[in-house]
Amino acid sequence: TAATTIDSLAISTYRSSRFQVQITQGSSYQSSDLMVIHDGTTASIIEYGSIATSDYLGSFTSTISGSNLLLQVTMGLSSSATVKVVRYAISI
């Protein structure tokens, strides 16, 4: 239930990106659309679409660590889950 990195981008190469994330946990599912942008120091994230079969399984954050922008998920439950990510990134 701690923040776990599910994707990363080089901040010197990419300025913004859009992610589609699918989480599977047992027989529960969540799909979320996110946008992330950074200024080289601070990352900003917005979740503009999300749907789940029951309760939402995870929440998303973004941060910069070293030379990478990290997309992270914090799960609501500690049981095993599968997270799949599709990324569309725009270069600087």
PDB file of N, CA and C in Angstrom:
ATOM      1  N   THR A   1       0.811  -1.202   0.000  1.00  0.00           N
ATOM      2  CA  THR A   1       0.000   0.000   0.000  1.00  0.00           C
ATOM      3  C   THR A   1       0.853   1.263   0.000  1.00  0.00           C
ATOM      4  N   ALA A   2       2.154   1.129  -0.268  1.00  0.00           N
ATOM      5  CA  ALA A   2       3.045   2.285  -0.438  1.00  0.00           C
ATOM      6  C   ALA A   2       3.122   2.635  -1.921  1.00  0.00           C
ATOM      7  N   ALA A   3       3.551   3.845  -2.226  1.00  0.00           N
ATOM      8  CA  ALA A   3       3.677   4.270  -3.629  1.00  0.00           C
ATOM      9  C   ALA A   3       4.698   3.393  -4.349  1.00  0.00           C
ATOM     10  N   THR A   4       4.290   2.850  -5.493  1.00  0.00           N
ATOM     11  CA  THR A   4       5.136   1.979  -6.310  1.00  0.00           C
ATOM     12  C   THR A   4       5.238   2.574  -7.707  1.00  0.00           C
ATOM     13  N   THR A   5       6.449   2.674  -8.233  1.00  0.00           N
ATOM     14  CA  THR A   5       6.655   3.213  -9.580  1.00  0.00           C
ATOM     15  C   THR A   5       6.180   2.201 -10.615  1.00  0.00           C
ATOM     16  N   ILE A   6       5.305   2.670 -11.527  1.00  0.00           N
ATOM     17  CA  ILE A   6       4.795   1.792 -12.582  1.00  0.00           C
ATOM     18  C   ILE A   6       5.280   2.207 -13.971  1.00  0.00           C
ATOM     19  N   ASP A   7       5.900   3.405 -14.084  1.00  0.00           N
ATOM     20  CA  ASP A   7       6.517   3.831 -15.342  1.00  0.00           C
ATOM     21  C   ASP A   7       7.439   5.004 -15.037  1.00  0.00           C
ATOM     22  N   SER A   8       8.408   5.227 -15.902  1.00  0.00           N
ATOM     23  CA  SER A   8       9.310   6.370 -15.739  1.00  0.00           C
ATOM     24  C   SER A   8       9.719   6.902 -17.101  1.00  0.00           C
ATOM     25  N   LEU A   9       9.994   8.216 -17.131  1.00  0.00           N
ATOM     26  CA  LEU A   9      10.401   8.901 -18.357  1.00  0.00           C
ATOM     27  C   LEU A   9      11.621   9.759 -18.066  1.00  0.00           C
ATOM     28  N   ALA A  10      12.526   9.867 -19.011  1.00  0.00           N
ATOM     29  CA  ALA A  10      13.672  10.768 -18.871  1.00  0.00           C
ATOM     30  C   ALA A  10      13.190  12.210 -19.021  1.00  0.00           C
ATOM     31  N   ILE A  11      13.420  13.043 -18.009  1.00  0.00           N
ATOM     32  CA  ILE A  11      12.920  14.421 -18.064  1.00  0.00           C
ATOM     33  C   ILE A  11      13.667  15.269 -19.087  1.00  0.00           C
ATOM     34  N   SER A  12      14.855  14.846 -19.487  1.00  0.00           N
ATOM     35  CA  SER A  12      15.586  15.595 -20.503  1.00  0.00           C
ATOM     36  C   SER A  12      15.063  15.304 -21.912  1.00  0.00           C
ATOM     37  N   THR A  13      14.248  14.260 -22.051  1.00  0.00           N
ATOM     38  CA  THR A  13      13.715  13.864 -23.354  1.00  0.00           C
ATOM     39  C   THR A  13      12.234  14.200 -23.508  1.00  0.00           C
ATOM     40  N   TYR A  14      11.458  14.002 -22.433  1.00  0.00           N
ATOM     41  CA  TYR A  14      10.000  14.155 -22.508  1.00  0.00           C
ATOM     42  C   TYR A  14       9.500  15.235 -21.564  1.00  0.00           C
ATOM     43  N   ARG A  15       8.589  16.065 -22.045  1.00  0.00           N
ATOM     44  CA  ARG A  15       7.999  17.139 -21.246  1.00  0.00           C
ATOM     45  C   ARG A  15       6.635  16.741 -20.697  1.00  0.00           C
ATOM     46  N   SER A  16       5.838  16.068 -21.514  1.00  0.00           N
ATOM     47  CA  SER A  16       4.496  15.689 -21.074  1.00  0.00           C
ATOM     48  C   SER A  16       4.154  14.313 -21.613  1.00  0.00           C
ATOM     49  N   SER A  17       3.173  13.690 -20.963  1.00  0.00           N
ATOM     50  CA  SER A  17       2.748  12.370 -21.413  1.00  0.00           C
ATOM     51  C   SER A  17       1.330  12.087 -20.941  1.00  0.00           C
ATOM     52  N   ARG A  18       0.732  11.119 -21.614  1.00  0.00           N
ATOM     53  CA  ARG A  18      -0.608  10.639 -21.267  1.00  0.00           C
ATOM     54  C   ARG A  18      -0.477   9.147 -21.015  1.00  0.00           C
ATOM     55  N   PHE A  19      -1.144   8.677 -19.983  1.00  0.00           N
ATOM     56  CA  PHE A  19      -1.074   7.275 -19.607  1.00  0.00           C
ATOM     57  C   PHE A  19      -2.472   6.684 -19.530  1.00  0.00           C
ATOM     58  N   GLN A  20      -2.613   5.449 -19.993  1.00  0.00           N
ATOM     59  CA  GLN A  20      -3.793   4.659 -19.701  1.00  0.00           C
ATOM     60  C   GLN A  20      -3.312   3.510 -18.829  1.00  0.00           C
ATOM     61  N   VAL A  21      -3.921   3.382 -17.658  1.00  0.00           N
ATOM     62  CA  VAL A  21      -3.490   2.379 -16.689  1.00  0.00           C
ATOM     63  C   VAL A  21      -4.657   1.441 -16.399  1.00  0.00           C
ATOM     64  N   GLN A  22      -4.379   0.144 -16.439  1.00  0.00           N
ATOM     65  CA  GLN A  22      -5.372  -0.863 -16.077  1.00  0.00           C
ATOM     66  C   GLN A  22      -4.847  -1.644 -14.877  1.00  0.00           C
ATOM     67  N   ILE A  23      -5.658  -1.751 -13.837  1.00  0.00           N
ATOM     68  CA  ILE A  23      -5.297  -2.510 -12.642  1.00  0.00           C
ATOM     69  C   ILE A  23      -6.258  -3.678 -12.508  1.00  0.00           C
ATOM     70  N   THR A  24      -5.712  -4.864 -12.254  1.00  0.00           N
ATOM     71  CA  THR A  24      -6.500  -6.058 -11.991  1.00  0.00           C
ATOM     72  C   THR A  24      -6.097  -6.570 -10.623  1.00  0.00           C
ATOM     73  N   GLN A  25      -7.098  -6.771  -9.769  1.00  0.00           N
ATOM     74  CA  GLN A  25      -6.845  -7.309  -8.433  1.00  0.00           C
ATOM     75  C   GLN A  25      -7.979  -8.279  -8.108  1.00  0.00           C
ATOM     76  N   GLY A  26      -7.671  -9.585  -8.215  1.00  0.00           N
ATOM     77  CA  GLY A  26      -8.712 -10.596  -8.057  1.00  0.00           C
ATOM     78  C   GLY A  26      -9.730 -10.452  -9.170  1.00  0.00           C
ATOM     79  N   SER A  27     -11.007 -10.290  -8.812  1.00  0.00           N
ATOM     80  CA  SER A  27     -12.059 -10.103  -9.812  1.00  0.00           C
ATOM     81  C   SER A  27     -12.496  -8.643  -9.911  1.00  0.00           C
ATOM     82  N   SER A  28     -11.653  -7.730  -9.406  1.00  0.00           N
ATOM     83  CA  SER A  28     -11.924  -6.288  -9.484  1.00  0.00           C
ATOM     84  C   SER A  28     -10.984  -5.643 -10.496  1.00  0.00           C
ATOM     85  N   TYR A  29     -11.493  -4.618 -11.206  1.00  0.00           N
ATOM     86  CA  TYR A  29     -10.731  -3.972 -12.262  1.00  0.00           C
ATOM     87  C   TYR A  29     -10.901  -2.465 -12.183  1.00  0.00           C
ATOM     88  N   GLN A  30      -9.848  -1.744 -12.587  1.00  0.00           N
ATOM     89  CA  GLN A  30      -9.880  -0.285 -12.677  1.00  0.00           C
ATOM     90  C   GLN A  30      -9.134   0.125 -13.937  1.00  0.00           C
ATOM     91  N   SER A  31      -9.681   1.114 -14.630  1.00  0.00           N
ATOM     92  CA  SER A  31      -9.003   1.707 -15.776  1.00  0.00           C
ATOM     93  C   SER A  31      -8.997   3.218 -15.575  1.00  0.00           C
ATOM     94  N   SER A  32      -7.809   3.843 -15.731  1.00  0.00           N
ATOM     95  CA  SER A  32      -7.678   5.280 -15.498  1.00  0.00           C
ATOM     96  C   SER A  32      -6.872   5.929 -16.610  1.00  0.00           C
ATOM     97  N   ASP A  33      -7.259   7.157 -16.965  1.00  0.00           N
ATOM     98  CA  ASP A  33      -6.517   7.983 -17.919  1.00  0.00           C
ATOM     99  C   ASP A  33      -5.907   9.154 -17.154  1.00  0.00           C
ATOM    100  N   LEU A  34      -4.605   9.380 -17.377  1.00  0.00           N
ATOM    101  CA  LEU A  34      -3.851  10.394 -16.646  1.00  0.00           C
ATOM    102  C   LEU A  34      -3.044  11.242 -17.613  1.00  0.00           C
ATOM    103  N   MET A  35      -2.811  12.496 -17.247  1.00  0.00           N
ATOM    104  CA  MET A  35      -1.879  13.354 -17.975  1.00  0.00           C
ATOM    105  C   MET A  35      -0.862  13.879 -16.977  1.00  0.00           C
ATOM    106  N   VAL A  36       0.405  13.940 -17.416  1.00  0.00           N
ATOM    107  CA  VAL A  36       1.502  14.415 -16.571  1.00  0.00           C
ATOM    108  C   VAL A  36       2.343  15.404 -17.370  1.00  0.00           C
ATOM    109  N   ILE A  37       2.778  16.464 -16.707  1.00  0.00           N
ATOM    110  CA  ILE A  37       3.694  17.439 -17.300  1.00  0.00           C
ATOM    111  C   ILE A  37       4.682  17.859 -16.219  1.00  0.00           C
ATOM    112  N   HIS A  38       5.871  18.313 -16.630  1.00  0.00           N
ATOM    113  CA  HIS A  38       6.868  18.757 -15.652  1.00  0.00           C
ATOM    114  C   HIS A  38       7.631  19.960 -16.195  1.00  0.00           C
ATOM    115  N   ASP A  39       8.259  20.693 -15.276  1.00  0.00           N
ATOM    116  CA  ASP A  39       9.089  21.842 -15.644  1.00  0.00           C
ATOM    117  C   ASP A  39      10.571  21.575 -15.391  1.00  0.00           C
ATOM    118  N   GLY A  40      10.927  20.314 -15.182  1.00  0.00           N
ATOM    119  CA  GLY A  40      12.309  19.948 -14.881  1.00  0.00           C
ATOM    120  C   GLY A  40      12.558  19.777 -13.398  1.00  0.00           C
ATOM    121  N   THR A  41      11.677  20.346 -12.568  1.00  0.00           N
ATOM    122  CA  THR A  41      11.807  20.260 -11.116  1.00  0.00           C
ATOM    123  C   THR A  41      10.578  19.654 -10.461  1.00  0.00           C
ATOM    124  N   THR A  42       9.407  20.058 -10.944  1.00  0.00           N
ATOM    125  CA  THR A  42       8.144  19.639 -10.338  1.00  0.00           C
ATOM    126  C   THR A  42       7.262  18.960 -11.381  1.00  0.00           C
ATOM    127  N   ALA A  43       6.654  17.850 -10.991  1.00  0.00           N
ATOM    128  CA  ALA A  43       5.721  17.138 -11.867  1.00  0.00           C
ATOM    129  C   ALA A  43       4.295  17.448 -11.435  1.00  0.00           C
ATOM    130  N   SER A  44       3.409  17.630 -12.419  1.00  0.00           N
ATOM    131  CA  SER A  44       1.987  17.844 -12.160  1.00  0.00           C
ATOM    132  C   SER A  44       1.207  16.736 -12.847  1.00  0.00           C
ATOM    133  N   ILE A  45       0.176  16.246 -12.168  1.00  0.00           N
ATOM    134  CA  ILE A  45      -0.612  15.127 -12.697  1.00  0.00           C
ATOM    135  C   ILE A  45      -2.094  15.440 -12.551  1.00  0.00           C
ATOM    136  N   ILE A  46      -2.871  14.968 -13.534  1.00  0.00           N
ATOM    137  CA  ILE A  46      -4.329  15.042 -13.444  1.00  0.00           C
ATOM    138  C   ILE A  46      -4.890  13.710 -13.930  1.00  0.00           C
ATOM    139  N   GLU A  47      -5.853  13.210 -13.196  1.00  0.00           N
ATOM    140  CA  GLU A  47      -6.582  12.004 -13.595  1.00  0.00           C
ATOM    141  C   GLU A  47      -7.900  12.490 -14.173  1.00  0.00           C
ATOM    142  N   TYR A  48      -8.068  12.362 -15.488  1.00  0.00           N
ATOM    143  CA  TYR A  48      -9.238  12.945 -16.123  1.00  0.00           C
ATOM    144  C   TYR A  48     -10.303  11.913 -16.485  1.00  0.00           C
ATOM    145  N   GLY A  49     -10.030  10.673 -16.230  1.00  0.00           N
ATOM    146  CA  GLY A  49     -11.021   9.639 -16.468  1.00  0.00           C
ATOM    147  C   GLY A  49     -10.672   8.394 -15.685  1.00  0.00           C
ATOM    148  N   SER A  50     -11.660   7.813 -15.017  1.00  0.00           N
ATOM    149  CA  SER A  50     -11.414   6.601 -14.257  1.00  0.00           C
ATOM    150  C   SER A  50     -12.719   5.839 -14.092  1.00  0.00           C
ATOM    151  N   ILE A  51     -12.631   4.521 -14.192  1.00  0.00           N
ATOM    152  CA  ILE A  51     -13.798   3.673 -14.012  1.00  0.00           C
ATOM    153  C   ILE A  51     -13.333   2.386 -13.340  1.00  0.00           C
ATOM    154  N   ALA A  52     -14.197   1.828 -12.504  1.00  0.00           N
ATOM    155  CA  ALA A  52     -13.864   0.590 -11.800  1.00  0.00           C
ATOM    156  C   ALA A  52     -15.094  -0.293 -11.721  1.00  0.00           C
ATOM    157  N   THR A  53     -14.870  -1.600 -11.567  1.00  0.00           N
ATOM    158  CA  THR A  53     -15.982  -2.537 -11.476  1.00  0.00           C
ATOM    159  C   THR A  53     -16.616  -2.521 -10.093  1.00  0.00           C
ATOM    160  N   SER A  54     -15.866  -2.119  -9.085  1.00  0.00           N
ATOM    161  CA  SER A  54     -16.415  -1.970  -7.730  1.00  0.00           C
ATOM    162  C   SER A  54     -15.689  -0.793  -7.096  1.00  0.00           C
ATOM    163  N   ASP A  55     -14.947  -1.018  -6.042  1.00  0.00           N
ATOM    164  CA  ASP A  55     -14.164   0.063  -5.441  1.00  0.00           C
ATOM    165  C   ASP A  55     -12.943   0.371  -6.300  1.00  0.00           C
ATOM    166  N   TYR A  56     -12.488   1.633  -6.231  1.00  0.00           N
ATOM    167  CA  TYR A  56     -11.255   1.991  -6.924  1.00  0.00           C
ATOM    168  C   TYR A  56     -10.084   1.312  -6.229  1.00  0.00           C
ATOM    169  N   LEU A  57      -9.170   0.779  -7.012  1.00  0.00           N
ATOM    170  CA  LEU A  57      -8.100  -0.062  -6.483  1.00  0.00           C
ATOM    171  C   LEU A  57      -6.838   0.709  -6.135  1.00  0.00           C
ATOM    172  N   GLY A  58      -6.559   1.789  -6.859  1.00  0.00           N
ATOM    173  CA  GLY A  58      -5.317   2.530  -6.635  1.00  0.00           C
ATOM    174  C   GLY A  58      -5.489   4.007  -6.930  1.00  0.00           C
ATOM    175  N   SER A  59      -4.580   4.797  -6.381  1.00  0.00           N
ATOM    176  CA  SER A  59      -4.534   6.235  -6.667  1.00  0.00           C
ATOM    177  C   SER A  59      -3.141   6.564  -7.199  1.00  0.00           C
ATOM    178  N   PHE A  60      -3.049   7.613  -8.008  1.00  0.00           N
ATOM    179  CA  PHE A  60      -1.835   7.889  -8.769  1.00  0.00           C
ATOM    180  C   PHE A  60      -1.176   9.191  -8.337  1.00  0.00           C
ATOM    181  N   THR A  61       0.152   9.191  -8.379  1.00  0.00           N
ATOM    182  CA  THR A  61       0.951  10.382  -8.127  1.00  0.00           C
ATOM    183  C   THR A  61       2.087  10.408  -9.133  1.00  0.00           C
ATOM    184  N   SER A  62       2.720  11.564  -9.246  1.00  0.00           N
ATOM    185  CA  SER A  62       3.871  11.723 -10.126  1.00  0.00           C
ATOM    186  C   SER A  62       4.908  12.567  -9.413  1.00  0.00           C
ATOM    187  N   THR A  63       6.172  12.217  -9.584  1.00  0.00           N
ATOM    188  CA  THR A  63       7.257  12.955  -8.954  1.00  0.00           C
ATOM    189  C   THR A  63       8.497  12.864  -9.839  1.00  0.00           C
ATOM    190  N   ILE A  64       9.458  13.718  -9.571  1.00  0.00           N
ATOM    191  CA  ILE A  64      10.745  13.648 -10.267  1.00  0.00           C
ATOM    192  C   ILE A  64      11.781  13.106  -9.296  1.00  0.00           C
ATOM    193  N   SER A  65      12.506  12.103  -9.757  1.00  0.00           N
ATOM    194  CA  SER A  65      13.577  11.504  -8.969  1.00  0.00           C
ATOM    195  C   SER A  65      14.818  11.441  -9.844  1.00  0.00           C
ATOM    196  N   GLY A  66      15.845  12.218  -9.483  1.00  0.00           N
ATOM    197  CA  GLY A  66      17.046  12.276 -10.309  1.00  0.00           C
ATOM    198  C   GLY A  66      16.714  12.842 -11.671  1.00  0.00           C
ATOM    199  N   SER A  67      16.985  12.077 -12.723  1.00  0.00           N
ATOM    200  CA  SER A  67      16.726  12.535 -14.091  1.00  0.00           C
ATOM    201  C   SER A  67      15.461  11.925 -14.690  1.00  0.00           C
ATOM    202  N   ASN A  68      14.612  11.358 -13.845  1.00  0.00           N
ATOM    203  CA  ASN A  68      13.405  10.692 -14.337  1.00  0.00           C
ATOM    204  C   ASN A  68      12.131  11.216 -13.694  1.00  0.00           C
ATOM    205  N   LEU A  69      11.070  11.252 -14.488  1.00  0.00           N
ATOM    206  CA  LEU A  69       9.732  11.493 -13.987  1.00  0.00           C
ATOM    207  C   LEU A  69       9.137  10.125 -13.685  1.00  0.00           C
ATOM    208  N   LEU A  70       8.578   9.966 -12.499  1.00  0.00           N
ATOM    209  CA  LEU A  70       8.015   8.689 -12.091  1.00  0.00           C
ATOM    210  C   LEU A  70       6.495   8.771 -12.028  1.00  0.00           C
ATOM    211  N   LEU A  71       5.815   7.783 -12.595  1.00  0.00           N
ATOM    212  CA  LEU A  71       4.383   7.604 -12.408  1.00  0.00           C
ATOM    213  C   LEU A  71       4.242   6.513 -11.357  1.00  0.00           C
ATOM    214  N   GLN A  72       3.509   6.822 -10.274  1.00  0.00           N
ATOM    215  CA  GLN A  72       3.400   5.887  -9.165  1.00  0.00           C
ATOM    216  C   GLN A  72       1.942   5.603  -8.833  1.00  0.00           C
ATOM    217  N   VAL A  73       1.695   4.412  -8.307  1.00  0.00           N
ATOM    218  CA  VAL A  73       0.370   4.030  -7.838  1.00  0.00           C
ATOM    219  C   VAL A  73       0.482   3.603  -6.376  1.00  0.00           C
ATOM    220  N   THR A  74      -0.496   3.990  -5.598  1.00  0.00           N
ATOM    221  CA  THR A  74      -0.636   3.519  -4.226  1.00  0.00           C
ATOM    222  C   THR A  74      -1.916   2.703  -4.178  1.00  0.00           C
ATOM    223  N   MET A  75      -1.779   1.426  -3.883  1.00  0.00           N
ATOM    224  CA  MET A  75      -2.921   0.520  -3.872  1.00  0.00           C
ATOM    225  C   MET A  75      -3.694   0.664  -2.566  1.00  0.00           C
ATOM    226  N   GLY A  76      -5.007   0.457  -2.651  1.00  0.00           N
ATOM    227  CA  GLY A  76      -5.854   0.523  -1.473  1.00  0.00           C
ATOM    228  C   GLY A  76      -5.747  -0.713  -0.598  1.00  0.00           C
ATOM    229  N   LEU A  77      -5.480  -1.857  -1.216  1.00  0.00           N
ATOM    230  CA  LEU A  77      -5.327  -3.118  -0.495  1.00  0.00           C
ATOM    231  C   LEU A  77      -3.954  -3.705  -0.787  1.00  0.00           C
ATOM    232  N   SER A  78      -3.447  -4.492   0.147  1.00  0.00           N
ATOM    233  CA  SER A  78      -2.108  -5.045  -0.017  1.00  0.00           C
ATOM    234  C   SER A  78      -2.080  -6.373  -0.765  1.00  0.00           C
ATOM    235  N   SER A  79      -3.215  -6.882  -1.231  1.00  0.00           N
ATOM    236  CA  SER A  79      -3.204  -8.139  -1.972  1.00  0.00           C
ATOM    237  C   SER A  79      -2.617  -7.940  -3.368  1.00  0.00           C
ATOM    238  N   SER A  80      -2.190  -9.030  -3.982  1.00  0.00           N
ATOM    239  CA  SER A  80      -1.501  -8.996  -5.271  1.00  0.00           C
ATOM    240  C   SER A  80      -2.361  -8.351  -6.364  1.00  0.00           C
ATOM    241  N   ALA A  81      -1.711  -7.583  -7.235  1.00  0.00           N
ATOM    242  CA  ALA A  81      -2.398  -6.904  -8.329  1.00  0.00           C
ATOM    243  C   ALA A  81      -1.501  -6.889  -9.563  1.00  0.00           C
ATOM    244  N   THR A  82      -2.134  -6.768 -10.730  1.00  0.00           N
ATOM    245  CA  THR A  82      -1.418  -6.592 -11.985  1.00  0.00           C
ATOM    246  C   THR A  82      -1.733  -5.190 -12.497  1.00  0.00           C
ATOM    247  N   VAL A  83      -0.680  -4.440 -12.853  1.00  0.00           N
ATOM    248  CA  VAL A  83      -0.845  -3.080 -13.360  1.00  0.00           C
ATOM    249  C   VAL A  83      -0.229  -3.032 -14.755  1.00  0.00           C
ATOM    250  N   LYS A  84      -1.014  -2.605 -15.737  1.00  0.00           N
ATOM    251  CA  LYS A  84      -0.533  -2.459 -17.111  1.00  0.00           C
ATOM    252  C   LYS A  84      -0.646  -0.995 -17.508  1.00  0.00           C
ATOM    253  N   VAL A  85       0.383  -0.505 -18.226  1.00  0.00           N
ATOM    254  CA  VAL A  85       0.449   0.915 -18.580  1.00  0.00           C
ATOM    255  C   VAL A  85       0.706   1.059 -20.072  1.00  0.00           C
ATOM    256  N   VAL A  86      -0.072   1.947 -20.709  1.00  0.00           N
ATOM    257  CA  VAL A  86       0.198   2.375 -22.080  1.00  0.00           C
ATOM    258  C   VAL A  86       0.532   3.858 -22.004  1.00  0.00           C
ATOM    259  N   ARG A  87       1.676   4.237 -22.592  1.00  0.00           N
ATOM    260  CA  ARG A  87       2.170   5.617 -22.503  1.00  0.00           C
ATOM    261  C   ARG A  87       2.265   6.251 -23.886  1.00  0.00           C
ATOM    262  N   TYR A  88       1.842   7.514 -23.944  1.00  0.00           N
ATOM    263  CA  TYR A  88       2.046   8.354 -25.118  1.00  0.00           C
ATOM    264  C   TYR A  88       2.829   9.557 -24.626  1.00  0.00           C
ATOM    265  N   ALA A  89       4.076   9.716 -25.042  1.00  0.00           N
ATOM    266  CA  ALA A  89       4.927  10.782 -24.532  1.00  0.00           C
ATOM    267  C   ALA A  89       5.302  11.752 -25.647  1.00  0.00           C
ATOM    268  N   ILE A  90       5.393  13.031 -25.273  1.00  0.00           N
ATOM    269  CA  ILE A  90       5.764  14.082 -26.227  1.00  0.00           C
ATOM    270  C   ILE A  90       7.138  14.599 -25.832  1.00  0.00           C
ATOM    271  N   SER A  91       8.050  14.603 -26.798  1.00  0.00           N
ATOM    272  CA  SER A  91       9.425  15.030 -26.512  1.00  0.00           C
ATOM    273  C   SER A  91       9.512  16.545 -26.388  1.00  0.00           C
ATOM    274  N   ILE A  92      10.604  16.972 -25.770  1.00  0.00           N
ATOM    275  CA  ILE A  92      10.856  18.404 -25.567  1.00  0.00           C
ATOM    276  C   ILE A  92      11.152  19.060 -26.897  1.00  0.00           C
TER     277      ILE A  92
END
